[in-house]
Amino acid sequence: MSQHKEVKLVTTHQLLAMKQRGEKISMLTAYDFSMAAILDGAGIDVLLVGDSASNVMAGHETTLPITLDQMIYHAQSVVRAVKRAFVVVDMPFGSYQGNSSEALRSAIRIMKESGGHGIKVEGGAEIKDSITRILTAGIPVMGHLGLTPQSIYKFGTYTVRAKEEAEAQKLIDDAVLLEELGCFAVVLEKIPSALAKRVAEKLTIPVIGIGAGPEVDGQVLVVHDMLGITKEFKPRFLRRYADLGDVMHNAVERYIQDVKSRDFPSTEEAY
């Protein structure tokens, strides 16, 4: 009889325990079954089905165009692959802002139809009613502060946020509010390292950074950026762990060459 190791599912409770014992949380984005299976098999703690699928998978310039149906489709694909990681699904632009009933409906659809384990929303005090409604349904909520890509037209730029004292104070207030409302974690994107450290020390819930320095409780990157599949995006916070874009490009060139030169398929590869 084959001995298979029991895989323990990552939960919100375990993420909190990781922060308490000082173990950093690893998080990456995933949008499809094959990639999610690789990331989960490698032992990633959290998979984010990001609305960055709008950029990476669909080629849009911003995250705004992606729909709730499309997010559910990506989340379903990821969940089917996962045996261990905690799967968080981004609520897309327009599915939760300004109407808490709509927010609850959207969140329930994501949970029921995708099988995801929690949702993520961007913003603080301005969306507190929506967060409260979603939490009353027992749905885990992850917050997202700092550079919130769904508000790109308000900011007008993707530069570092909260450098001014007023914006920094609002970010701290929002982070504290998110914890008080009952969020299980917060993502801080592209803010000064010292500010991120202050927030992580102030909150009891895990704080995950992207471009927020090393003093937070975990890190998240877009998987296509980290693997070097996307080339154009080169922010300071990105570390490339592979150049898969080049590897794939070269493989395809060799395939084309072998087909054109009649080298592929060989007699061994034919029936």
C-alpha atoms as a PDB file:
ATOM      1  CA  MET A   1       0.000   0.000   0.000  1.00  0.00           C
ATOM      2  CA  SER A   2       1.457   3.380  -0.980  1.00  0.00           C
ATOM      3  CA  GLN A   3       2.256   5.705   1.899  1.00  0.00           C
ATOM      4  CA  HIS A   4       1.140   9.206   1.006  1.00  0.00           C
ATOM      5  CA  LYS A   5       1.966  12.080   3.290  1.00  0.00           C
ATOM      6  CA  GLU A   6      -1.089  13.839   4.703  1.00  0.00           C
ATOM      7  CA  VAL A   7      -1.230  17.394   3.402  1.00  0.00           C
ATOM      8  CA  LYS A   8      -2.435  19.929   5.949  1.00  0.00           C
ATOM      9  CA  LEU A   9      -4.628  22.674   4.552  1.00  0.00           C
ATOM     10  CA  VAL A  10      -3.550  26.240   5.238  1.00  0.00           C
ATOM     11  CA  THR A  11      -6.274  28.163   7.114  1.00  0.00           C
ATOM     12  CA  THR A  12      -6.751  31.727   8.381  1.00  0.00           C
ATOM     13  CA  HIS A  13      -5.996  30.346  11.854  1.00  0.00           C
ATOM     14  CA  GLN A  14      -2.649  28.941  10.665  1.00  0.00           C
ATOM     15  CA  LEU A  15      -1.732  32.229   8.951  1.00  0.00           C
ATOM     16  CA  LEU A  16      -2.327  34.051  12.241  1.00  0.00           C
ATOM     17  CA  ALA A  17      -0.197  31.464  14.076  1.00  0.00           C
ATOM     18  CA  MET A  18       2.588  31.967  11.503  1.00  0.00           C
ATOM     19  CA  LYS A  19       2.648  35.697  12.281  1.00  0.00           C
ATOM     20  CA  GLN A  20       2.676  34.999  16.025  1.00  0.00           C
ATOM     21  CA  ARG A  21       5.702  32.704  15.788  1.00  0.00           C
ATOM     22  CA  GLY A  22       7.518  34.957  13.315  1.00  0.00           C
ATOM     23  CA  GLU A  23       7.291  32.619  10.297  1.00  0.00           C
ATOM     24  CA  LYS A  24       6.997  34.588   7.040  1.00  0.00           C
ATOM     25  CA  ILE A  25       3.999  33.878   4.793  1.00  0.00           C
ATOM     26  CA  SER A  26       4.618  33.111   1.109  1.00  0.00           C
ATOM     27  CA  MET A  27       1.972  34.200  -1.401  1.00  0.00           C
ATOM     28  CA  LEU A  28       1.826  34.259  -5.214  1.00  0.00           C
ATOM     29  CA  THR A  29      -0.873  34.883  -7.796  1.00  0.00           C
ATOM     30  CA  ALA A  30      -2.399  32.072  -9.868  1.00  0.00           C
ATOM     31  CA  TYR A  31      -5.029  32.142 -12.587  1.00  0.00           C
ATOM     32  CA  ASP A  32      -5.148  28.633 -14.068  1.00  0.00           C
ATOM     33  CA  PHE A  33      -5.082  24.946 -13.127  1.00  0.00           C
ATOM     34  CA  SER A  34      -1.602  23.990 -14.398  1.00  0.00           C
ATOM     35  CA  MET A  35       0.251  26.880 -12.758  1.00  0.00           C
ATOM     36  CA  ALA A  36      -1.708  26.531  -9.498  1.00  0.00           C
ATOM     37  CA  ALA A  37      -0.798  22.829  -9.308  1.00  0.00           C
ATOM     38  CA  ILE A  38       2.924  23.684  -9.615  1.00  0.00           C
ATOM     39  CA  LEU A  39       2.773  26.461  -6.998  1.00  0.00           C
ATOM     40  CA  ASP A  40       0.718  24.389  -4.561  1.00  0.00           C
ATOM     41  CA  GLY A  41       3.013  21.383  -5.030  1.00  0.00           C
ATOM     42  CA  ALA A  42       6.024  23.577  -4.231  1.00  0.00           C
ATOM     43  CA  GLY A  43       4.441  24.457  -0.879  1.00  0.00           C
ATOM     44  CA  ILE A  44       3.158  28.024  -1.303  1.00  0.00           C
ATOM     45  CA  ASP A  45       1.064  29.186   1.685  1.00  0.00           C
ATOM     46  CA  VAL A  46      -1.456  31.436  -0.071  1.00  0.00           C
ATOM     47  CA  LEU A  47      -2.576  31.654  -3.692  1.00  0.00           C
ATOM     48  CA  LEU A  48      -4.209  34.899  -4.805  1.00  0.00           C
ATOM     49  CA  VAL A  49      -6.524  34.668  -7.792  1.00  0.00           C
ATOM     50  CA  GLY A  50      -5.717  38.273  -8.585  1.00  0.00           C
ATOM     51  CA  ASP A  51      -7.669  40.707 -10.709  1.00  0.00           C
ATOM     52  CA  SER A  52      -4.187  41.149 -12.237  1.00  0.00           C
ATOM     53  CA  ALA A  53      -5.534  38.387 -14.521  1.00  0.00           C
ATOM     54  CA  SER A  54      -6.971  41.384 -16.356  1.00  0.00           C
ATOM     55  CA  ASN A  55      -3.403  42.421 -17.272  1.00  0.00           C
ATOM     56  CA  VAL A  56      -1.513  39.127 -17.353  1.00  0.00           C
ATOM     57  CA  MET A  57      -4.104  36.781 -18.868  1.00  0.00           C
ATOM     58  CA  ALA A  58      -6.323  39.157 -20.872  1.00  0.00           C
ATOM     59  CA  GLY A  59      -3.893  41.897 -21.934  1.00  0.00           C
ATOM     60  CA  HIS A  60      -5.795  44.875 -20.507  1.00  0.00           C
ATOM     61  CA  GLU A  61      -3.842  47.930 -19.345  1.00  0.00           C
ATOM     62  CA  THR A  62      -5.596  48.060 -15.964  1.00  0.00           C
ATOM     63  CA  THR A  63      -7.400  45.656 -13.622  1.00  0.00           C
ATOM     64  CA  LEU A  64     -10.722  47.482 -14.141  1.00  0.00           C
ATOM     65  CA  PRO A  65     -12.225  45.557 -17.114  1.00  0.00           C
ATOM     66  CA  ILE A  66     -12.250  42.058 -15.578  1.00  0.00           C
ATOM     67  CA  THR A  67     -15.747  40.857 -14.618  1.00  0.00           C
ATOM     68  CA  LEU A  68     -17.086  38.848 -11.689  1.00  0.00           C
ATOM     69  CA  ASP A  69     -17.845  35.918 -14.028  1.00  0.00           C
ATOM     70  CA  GLN A  70     -14.267  35.948 -15.323  1.00  0.00           C
ATOM     71  CA  MET A  71     -12.827  36.066 -11.788  1.00  0.00           C
ATOM     72  CA  ILE A  72     -15.008  33.088 -10.824  1.00  0.00           C
ATOM     73  CA  TYR A  73     -13.785  31.161 -13.897  1.00  0.00           C
ATOM     74  CA  HIS A  74     -10.122  31.766 -12.962  1.00  0.00           C
ATOM     75  CA  ALA A  75     -10.806  30.901  -9.308  1.00  0.00           C
ATOM     76  CA  GLN A  76     -12.542  27.616 -10.239  1.00  0.00           C
ATOM     77  CA  SER A  77      -9.504  26.622 -12.301  1.00  0.00           C
ATOM     78  CA  VAL A  78      -7.112  27.372  -9.435  1.00  0.00           C
ATOM     79  CA  VAL A  79      -9.192  25.688  -6.712  1.00  0.00           C
ATOM     80  CA  ARG A  80      -9.346  22.428  -8.724  1.00  0.00           C
ATOM     81  CA  ALA A  81      -5.543  22.209  -8.547  1.00  0.00           C
ATOM     82  CA  VAL A  82      -5.022  23.064  -4.883  1.00  0.00           C
ATOM     83  CA  LYS A  83      -4.408  20.471  -2.176  1.00  0.00           C
ATOM     84  CA  ARG A  84      -2.842  22.681   0.510  1.00  0.00           C
ATOM     85  CA  ALA A  85      -2.724  26.440  -0.124  1.00  0.00           C
ATOM     86  CA  PHE A  86      -5.274  28.970   1.114  1.00  0.00           C
ATOM     87  CA  VAL A  87      -6.989  30.457  -1.972  1.00  0.00           C
ATOM     88  CA  VAL A  88      -7.995  34.137  -1.881  1.00  0.00           C
ATOM     89  CA  VAL A  89     -10.038  35.599  -4.749  1.00  0.00           C
ATOM     90  CA  ASP A  90      -9.973  39.290  -5.684  1.00  0.00           C
ATOM     91  CA  MET A  91     -13.380  40.919  -5.903  1.00  0.00           C
ATOM     92  CA  PRO A  92     -13.270  42.842  -9.192  1.00  0.00           C
ATOM     93  CA  PHE A  93     -13.866  46.569  -9.605  1.00  0.00           C
ATOM     94  CA  GLY A  94     -17.567  47.453  -9.358  1.00  0.00           C
ATOM     95  CA  SER A  95     -18.609  44.285  -7.508  1.00  0.00           C
ATOM     96  CA  TYR A  96     -18.456  45.719  -3.974  1.00  0.00           C
ATOM     97  CA  GLN A  97     -17.869  49.501  -3.892  1.00  0.00           C
ATOM     98  CA  GLY A  98     -20.770  51.704  -2.830  1.00  0.00           C
ATOM     99  CA  ASN A  99     -23.388  48.989  -2.292  1.00  0.00           C
ATOM    100  CA  SER A 100     -23.055  46.520   0.562  1.00  0.00           C
ATOM    101  CA  SER A 101     -25.899  44.278  -0.684  1.00  0.00           C
ATOM    102  CA  GLU A 102     -24.208  43.990  -4.083  1.00  0.00           C
ATOM    103  CA  ALA A 103     -20.909  43.295  -2.286  1.00  0.00           C
ATOM    104  CA  LEU A 104     -22.453  40.450  -0.298  1.00  0.00           C
ATOM    105  CA  ARG A 105     -24.072  38.957  -3.422  1.00  0.00           C
ATOM    106  CA  SER A 106     -20.741  39.111  -5.294  1.00  0.00           C
ATOM    107  CA  ALA A 107     -18.797  37.530  -2.419  1.00  0.00           C
ATOM    108  CA  ILE A 108     -21.343  34.724  -1.986  1.00  0.00           C
ATOM    109  CA  ARG A 109     -21.180  33.959  -5.727  1.00  0.00           C
ATOM    110  CA  ILE A 110     -17.374  33.757  -5.579  1.00  0.00           C
ATOM    111  CA  MET A 111     -17.439  31.387  -2.590  1.00  0.00           C
ATOM    112  CA  LYS A 112     -20.272  29.161  -3.863  1.00  0.00           C
ATOM    113  CA  GLU A 113     -19.250  28.942  -7.508  1.00  0.00           C
ATOM    114  CA  SER A 114     -15.445  28.825  -7.191  1.00  0.00           C
ATOM    115  CA  GLY A 115     -14.848  27.013  -3.902  1.00  0.00           C
ATOM    116  CA  GLY A 116     -12.303  29.679  -2.920  1.00  0.00           C
ATOM    117  CA  HIS A 117     -11.452  30.120   0.750  1.00  0.00           C
ATOM    118  CA  GLY A 118     -11.733  33.907   1.083  1.00  0.00           C
ATOM    119  CA  ILE A 119     -11.963  37.184  -0.838  1.00  0.00           C
ATOM    120  CA  LYS A 120      -9.833  40.345  -1.110  1.00  0.00           C
ATOM    121  CA  VAL A 121     -11.063  43.928  -1.422  1.00  0.00           C
ATOM    122  CA  GLU A 122      -9.243  47.231  -1.932  1.00  0.00           C
ATOM    123  CA  GLY A 123      -9.800  50.176   0.387  1.00  0.00           C
ATOM    124  CA  GLY A 124     -10.449  51.150   4.000  1.00  0.00           C
ATOM    125  CA  ALA A 125     -13.115  53.289   5.667  1.00  0.00           C
ATOM    126  CA  GLU A 126     -14.889  54.006   2.373  1.00  0.00           C
ATOM    127  CA  ILE A 127     -15.857  50.325   1.944  1.00  0.00           C
ATOM    128  CA  LYS A 128     -16.399  49.369   5.593  1.00  0.00           C
ATOM    129  CA  ASP A 129     -20.131  48.652   5.107  1.00  0.00           C
ATOM    130  CA  SER A 130     -19.359  46.185   2.321  1.00  0.00           C
ATOM    131  CA  ILE A 131     -16.674  44.438   4.407  1.00  0.00           C
ATOM    132  CA  THR A 132     -19.030  44.173   7.391  1.00  0.00           C
ATOM    133  CA  ARG A 133     -21.812  42.654   5.262  1.00  0.00           C
ATOM    134  CA  ILE A 134     -19.453  40.096   3.705  1.00  0.00           C
ATOM    135  CA  LEU A 135     -18.044  39.122   7.104  1.00  0.00           C
ATOM    136  CA  THR A 136     -21.553  38.600   8.540  1.00  0.00           C
ATOM    137  CA  ALA A 137     -21.945  35.781   6.005  1.00  0.00           C
ATOM    138  CA  GLY A 138     -18.860  34.073   7.481  1.00  0.00           C
ATOM    139  CA  ILE A 139     -16.681  34.803   4.460  1.00  0.00           C
ATOM    140  CA  PRO A 140     -12.990  35.513   5.294  1.00  0.00           C
ATOM    141  CA  VAL A 141     -11.892  38.940   4.023  1.00  0.00           C
ATOM    142  CA  MET A 142      -8.361  40.106   3.206  1.00  0.00           C
ATOM    143  CA  GLY A 143      -7.867  43.876   2.946  1.00  0.00           C
ATOM    144  CA  HIS A 144      -5.609  45.765   0.517  1.00  0.00           C
ATOM    145  CA  LEU A 145      -4.205  49.252   1.181  1.00  0.00           C
ATOM    146  CA  GLY A 146      -1.553  51.552  -0.279  1.00  0.00           C
ATOM    147  CA  LEU A 147      -1.420  51.417  -4.045  1.00  0.00           C
ATOM    148  CA  THR A 148      -4.849  50.005  -4.867  1.00  0.00           C
ATOM    149  CA  PRO A 149      -4.789  49.303  -8.630  1.00  0.00           C
ATOM    150  CA  GLN A 150      -8.589  49.519  -8.979  1.00  0.00           C
ATOM    151  CA  SER A 151      -8.259  53.235  -8.064  1.00  0.00           C
ATOM    152  CA  ILE A 152      -5.564  53.897 -10.680  1.00  0.00           C
ATOM    153  CA  TYR A 153      -7.542  56.660 -12.384  1.00  0.00           C
ATOM    154  CA  LYS A 154      -7.945  58.469  -9.056  1.00  0.00           C
ATOM    155  CA  PHE A 155      -4.186  58.240  -8.333  1.00  0.00           C
ATOM    156  CA  GLY A 156      -3.213  58.860 -11.971  1.00  0.00           C
ATOM    157  CA  THR A 157       0.051  56.948 -11.500  1.00  0.00           C
ATOM    158  CA  TYR A 158       1.487  53.698 -10.121  1.00  0.00           C
ATOM    159  CA  THR A 159       4.071  55.470  -7.910  1.00  0.00           C
ATOM    160  CA  VAL A 160       4.703  54.789  -4.213  1.00  0.00           C
ATOM    161  CA  ARG A 161       1.774  55.748  -1.964  1.00  0.00           C
ATOM    162  CA  ALA A 162       1.565  57.225   1.562  1.00  0.00           C
ATOM    163  CA  LYS A 163       4.813  59.202   1.459  1.00  0.00           C
ATOM    164  CA  GLU A 164       3.006  62.266   2.883  1.00  0.00           C
ATOM    165  CA  GLU A 165       2.117  62.220   6.588  1.00  0.00           C
ATOM    166  CA  ALA A 166      -1.647  62.676   6.042  1.00  0.00           C
ATOM    167  CA  GLU A 167      -1.902  59.742   3.649  1.00  0.00           C
ATOM    168  CA  ALA A 168       0.351  57.638   5.893  1.00  0.00           C
ATOM    169  CA  GLN A 169      -1.896  58.345   8.907  1.00  0.00           C
ATOM    170  CA  LYS A 170      -5.027  57.438   6.916  1.00  0.00           C
ATOM    171  CA  LEU A 171      -3.368  54.171   5.865  1.00  0.00           C
ATOM    172  CA  ILE A 172      -2.590  53.298   9.495  1.00  0.00           C
ATOM    173  CA  ASP A 173      -6.158  54.203  10.547  1.00  0.00           C
ATOM    174  CA  ASP A 174      -7.586  52.097   7.698  1.00  0.00           C
ATOM    175  CA  ALA A 175      -5.376  49.126   8.599  1.00  0.00           C
ATOM    176  CA  VAL A 176      -6.514  49.274  12.233  1.00  0.00           C
ATOM    177  CA  LEU A 177     -10.143  49.570  11.052  1.00  0.00           C
ATOM    178  CA  LEU A 178      -9.791  46.515   8.778  1.00  0.00           C
ATOM    179  CA  GLU A 179      -8.545  44.470  11.729  1.00  0.00           C
ATOM    180  CA  GLU A 180     -11.344  45.777  13.995  1.00  0.00           C
ATOM    181  CA  LEU A 181     -13.976  44.911  11.376  1.00  0.00           C
ATOM    182  CA  GLY A 182     -12.660  41.328  11.331  1.00  0.00           C
ATOM    183  CA  CYS A 183     -10.382  40.995   8.283  1.00  0.00           C
ATOM    184  CA  PHE A 184      -7.948  38.053   8.610  1.00  0.00           C
ATOM    185  CA  ALA A 185      -5.030  39.774   6.811  1.00  0.00           C
ATOM    186  CA  VAL A 186      -4.059  42.942   4.914  1.00  0.00           C
ATOM    187  CA  VAL A 187      -1.961  43.441   1.765  1.00  0.00           C
ATOM    188  CA  LEU A 188       0.143  46.628   1.641  1.00  0.00           C
ATOM    189  CA  GLU A 189       1.237  47.602  -1.857  1.00  0.00           C
ATOM    190  CA  LYS A 190       4.046  49.983  -2.798  1.00  0.00           C
ATOM    191  CA  ILE A 191       4.415  52.015   0.389  1.00  0.00           C
ATOM    192  CA  PRO A 192       7.545  53.109   2.309  1.00  0.00           C
ATOM    193  CA  SER A 193       9.206  50.262   4.204  1.00  0.00           C
ATOM    194  CA  ALA A 194       9.181  52.140   7.521  1.00  0.00           C
ATOM    195  CA  LEU A 195       5.411  52.721   7.299  1.00  0.00           C
ATOM    196  CA  ALA A 196       4.753  49.054   6.445  1.00  0.00           C
ATOM    197  CA  LYS A 197       6.819  48.054   9.499  1.00  0.00           C
ATOM    198  CA  ARG A 198       4.711  50.336  11.720  1.00  0.00           C
ATOM    199  CA  VAL A 199       1.497  48.766  10.420  1.00  0.00           C
ATOM    200  CA  ALA A 200       2.776  45.178  10.804  1.00  0.00           C
ATOM    201  CA  GLU A 201       3.826  45.875  14.410  1.00  0.00           C
ATOM    202  CA  LYS A 202       0.517  47.582  15.225  1.00  0.00           C
ATOM    203  CA  LEU A 203      -1.766  44.833  13.866  1.00  0.00           C
ATOM    204  CA  THR A 204      -2.236  41.359  15.307  1.00  0.00           C
ATOM    205  CA  ILE A 205      -3.391  40.015  11.888  1.00  0.00           C
ATOM    206  CA  PRO A 206      -0.831  39.160   9.165  1.00  0.00           C
ATOM    207  CA  VAL A 207       0.378  41.968   6.896  1.00  0.00           C
ATOM    208  CA  ILE A 208       1.527  40.846   3.423  1.00  0.00           C
ATOM    209  CA  GLY A 209       3.674  43.218   1.394  1.00  0.00           C
ATOM    210  CA  ILE A 210       4.311  43.854  -2.281  1.00  0.00           C
ATOM    211  CA  GLY A 211       6.868  46.604  -2.633  1.00  0.00           C
ATOM    212  CA  ALA A 212       6.465  47.289   1.101  1.00  0.00           C
ATOM    213  CA  GLY A 213       9.893  46.195   2.338  1.00  0.00           C
ATOM    214  CA  PRO A 214      11.049  43.254   4.479  1.00  0.00           C
ATOM    215  CA  GLU A 215       9.514  44.145   7.865  1.00  0.00           C
ATOM    216  CA  VAL A 216       6.028  42.739   7.137  1.00  0.00           C
ATOM    217  CA  ASP A 217       4.671  39.248   7.843  1.00  0.00           C
ATOM    218  CA  GLY A 218       4.828  37.888   4.296  1.00  0.00           C
ATOM    219  CA  GLN A 219       5.347  38.698   0.628  1.00  0.00           C
ATOM    220  CA  VAL A 220       3.279  38.433  -2.559  1.00  0.00           C
ATOM    221  CA  LEU A 221       4.310  38.769  -6.216  1.00  0.00           C
ATOM    222  CA  VAL A 222       2.573  38.226  -9.538  1.00  0.00           C
ATOM    223  CA  VAL A 223       3.794  34.789 -10.615  1.00  0.00           C
ATOM    224  CA  HIS A 224       4.343  35.769 -14.282  1.00  0.00           C
ATOM    225  CA  ASP A 225       6.597  38.643 -13.164  1.00  0.00           C
ATOM    226  CA  MET A 226       8.565  36.510 -10.718  1.00  0.00           C
ATOM    227  CA  LEU A 227       9.108  33.742 -13.286  1.00  0.00           C
ATOM    228  CA  GLY A 228      10.193  36.156 -16.022  1.00  0.00           C
ATOM    229  CA  ILE A 229       7.294  35.353 -18.357  1.00  0.00           C
ATOM    230  CA  THR A 230       6.401  39.053 -18.490  1.00  0.00           C
ATOM    231  CA  LYS A 231       9.293  41.284 -19.525  1.00  0.00           C
ATOM    232  CA  GLU A 232       8.038  44.879 -19.636  1.00  0.00           C
ATOM    233  CA  PHE A 233       7.288  45.184 -15.912  1.00  0.00           C
ATOM    234  CA  LYS A 234      10.474  45.971 -13.967  1.00  0.00           C
ATOM    235  CA  PRO A 235       9.678  47.673 -10.646  1.00  0.00           C
ATOM    236  CA  ARG A 236      12.314  47.904  -7.939  1.00  0.00           C
ATOM    237  CA  PHE A 237      10.445  45.445  -5.684  1.00  0.00           C
ATOM    238  CA  LEU A 238      10.423  42.611  -8.236  1.00  0.00           C
ATOM    239  CA  ARG A 239      12.981  39.818  -7.972  1.00  0.00           C
ATOM    240  CA  ARG A 240      13.020  37.496 -11.000  1.00  0.00           C
ATOM    241  CA  TYR A 241      13.585  33.880 -10.000  1.00  0.00           C
ATOM    242  CA  ALA A 242      13.690  32.549 -13.585  1.00  0.00           C
ATOM    243  CA  ASP A 243      13.630  33.713 -17.183  1.00  0.00           C
ATOM    244  CA  LEU A 244      10.864  31.440 -18.403  1.00  0.00           C
ATOM    245  CA  GLY A 245       9.928  33.927 -21.121  1.00  0.00           C
ATOM    246  CA  ASP A 246      13.277  33.257 -22.833  1.00  0.00           C
ATOM    247  CA  VAL A 247      13.095  29.495 -22.202  1.00  0.00           C
ATOM    248  CA  MET A 248       9.626  29.302 -23.770  1.00  0.00           C
ATOM    249  CA  HIS A 249      10.562  31.554 -26.688  1.00  0.00           C
ATOM    250  CA  ASN A 250      13.597  29.391 -27.497  1.00  0.00           C
ATOM    251  CA  ALA A 251      11.600  26.157 -27.204  1.00  0.00           C
ATOM    252  CA  VAL A 252       8.966  27.461 -29.636  1.00  0.00           C
ATOM    253  CA  GLU A 253      11.671  28.597 -32.105  1.00  0.00           C
ATOM    254  CA  ARG A 254      13.227  25.107 -31.998  1.00  0.00           C
ATOM    255  CA  TYR A 255       9.820  23.485 -32.531  1.00  0.00           C
ATOM    256  CA  ILE A 256       9.113  25.709 -35.556  1.00  0.00           C
ATOM    257  CA  GLN A 257      12.552  24.885 -36.983  1.00  0.00           C
ATOM    258  CA  ASP A 258      12.048  21.123 -36.489  1.00  0.00           C
ATOM    259  CA  VAL A 259       8.622  21.221 -38.154  1.00  0.00           C
ATOM    260  CA  LYS A 260       9.901  23.277 -41.129  1.00  0.00           C
ATOM    261  CA  SER A 261      12.986  21.072 -41.609  1.00  0.00           C
ATOM    262  CA  ARG A 262      10.866  17.887 -41.365  1.00  0.00           C
ATOM    263  CA  ASP A 263      12.906  16.808 -38.331  1.00  0.00           C
ATOM    264  CA  PHE A 264       9.716  16.550 -36.228  1.00  0.00           C
ATOM    265  CA  PRO A 265       8.097  14.099 -35.996  1.00  0.00           C
ATOM    266  CA  SER A 266      10.749  11.423 -36.490  1.00  0.00           C
ATOM    267  CA  THR A 267       9.963   7.785 -37.337  1.00  0.00           C
ATOM    268  CA  GLU A 268      10.204   7.003 -33.596  1.00  0.00           C
ATOM    269  CA  GLU A 269       7.548   9.651 -32.912  1.00  0.00           C
ATOM    270  CA  ALA A 270       5.150   8.274 -35.540  1.00  0.00           C
ATOM    271  CA  TYR A 271       2.672   5.370 -35.273  1.00  0.00           C
END
